[in-house]
Amino acid sequence: MKQLEVLYFAWVRERIGIPKEQITTDAATVSDLIAELSAREERYALAFQDMAVVKVAIDQTLSTLDAPLEGAREIAIFPPMTGG
């Protein structure tokens, strides 16, 4: 079991209803964590229904969904950003 701080940004945060939370998980990868969160409640399932439009960062480094969580302390989940 590992303790992680999960941060939610923009419309992901709006759908889930909180900006961050501390969780305890056995998830091995980001994808495993997303599946675990999605199974919790409908609001998580709605936020993560289309992972093609969601980005993740592990300890402030942009990562992929298959990235391992070993040693991670923080996971940020957010929509792609646009410049202007």
Protein backbone atom coordinates (compact mmCIF):
# COMPACT_ATOMS: atom_id res chain seq x y z
CA MET A 1 0.00 0.00 0.00
CA LYS A 2 1.24 3.47 -0.82
CA GLN A 3 -0.01 6.90 0.20
CA LEU A 4 -0.50 9.39 -2.65
CA GLU A 5 -1.75 12.93 -2.92
CA VAL A 6 -3.98 13.19 -5.99
CA LEU A 7 -4.54 16.69 -7.42
CA TYR A 8 -7.38 17.52 -9.81
CA PHE A 9 -7.39 20.56 -12.12
CA ALA A 10 -9.87 22.46 -14.34
CA TRP A 11 -12.96 20.50 -15.43
CA VAL A 12 -11.60 17.29 -13.84
CA ARG A 13 -11.77 19.07 -10.46
CA GLU A 14 -15.23 20.43 -11.27
CA ARG A 15 -16.61 16.97 -12.08
CA ILE A 16 -15.07 15.31 -9.03
CA GLY A 17 -15.90 18.22 -6.74
CA ILE A 18 -12.63 18.48 -4.81
CA PRO A 19 -9.21 19.95 -5.65
CA LYS A 20 -7.14 17.17 -4.05
CA GLU A 21 -7.22 14.16 -1.75
CA GLN A 22 -4.92 11.76 0.04
CA ILE A 23 -5.47 8.15 -0.96
CA THR A 24 -4.02 4.79 -0.04
CA THR A 25 -3.69 2.47 -3.01
CA ASP A 26 -2.15 -0.73 -4.30
CA ALA A 27 -2.25 0.60 -7.90
CA ALA A 28 0.93 -0.22 -9.81
CA THR A 29 0.43 2.28 -12.66
CA VAL A 30 -1.41 5.53 -13.32
CA SER A 31 -3.96 3.57 -15.35
CA ASP A 32 -4.57 1.22 -12.40
CA LEU A 33 -5.10 4.24 -10.15
CA ILE A 34 -7.58 5.81 -12.59
CA ALA A 35 -9.51 2.52 -12.77
CA GLU A 36 -9.57 2.33 -8.97
CA LEU A 37 -10.82 5.91 -8.65
CA SER A 38 -13.42 5.43 -11.43
CA ALA A 39 -14.88 2.46 -9.56
CA ARG A 40 -15.41 4.57 -6.42
CA GLU A 41 -18.30 6.76 -7.48
CA GLU A 42 -20.08 8.04 -10.56
CA ARG A 43 -18.42 11.48 -10.33
CA TYR A 44 -14.98 9.87 -10.77
CA ALA A 45 -16.24 7.66 -13.60
CA LEU A 46 -17.59 10.76 -15.38
CA ALA A 47 -14.35 12.67 -14.94
CA PHE A 48 -12.27 9.80 -16.33
CA GLN A 49 -14.64 8.47 -18.99
CA ASP A 50 -12.42 9.66 -21.85
CA MET A 51 -8.77 9.34 -20.89
CA ALA A 52 -7.73 10.58 -24.35
CA VAL A 53 -8.51 14.11 -23.12
CA VAL A 54 -6.76 13.81 -19.74
CA LYS A 55 -3.07 14.31 -18.93
CA VAL A 56 -1.19 13.18 -15.83
CA ALA A 57 1.95 14.20 -14.01
CA ILE A 58 3.82 12.17 -11.41
CA ASP A 59 5.69 14.34 -8.90
CA GLN A 60 5.35 17.31 -11.30
CA THR A 61 6.74 15.45 -14.32
CA LEU A 62 4.43 14.83 -17.29
CA SER A 63 3.83 11.08 -17.50
CA THR A 64 1.89 8.44 -19.39
CA LEU A 65 -0.98 6.29 -18.19
CA ASP A 66 1.25 3.21 -18.11
CA ALA A 67 3.85 4.93 -15.91
CA PRO A 68 4.61 3.07 -12.67
CA LEU A 69 3.63 4.65 -9.36
CA GLU A 70 6.53 3.13 -7.42
CA GLY A 71 8.07 5.88 -5.30
CA ALA A 72 5.50 8.50 -6.39
CA ARG A 73 4.19 10.98 -3.84
CA GLU A 74 1.90 13.14 -5.96
CA ILE A 75 -0.28 12.55 -9.03
CA ALA A 76 -1.83 15.48 -10.89
CA ILE A 77 -4.70 14.90 -13.31
CA PHE A 78 -5.69 17.64 -15.73
CA PRO A 79 -6.99 18.37 -19.24
CA PRO A 80 -4.52 19.27 -21.99
CA MET A 81 -3.46 22.88 -21.87
CA THR A 82 -3.64 25.25 -24.77
CA GLY A 83 -1.41 28.21 -25.43
CA GLY A 84 -2.34 31.63 -26.52
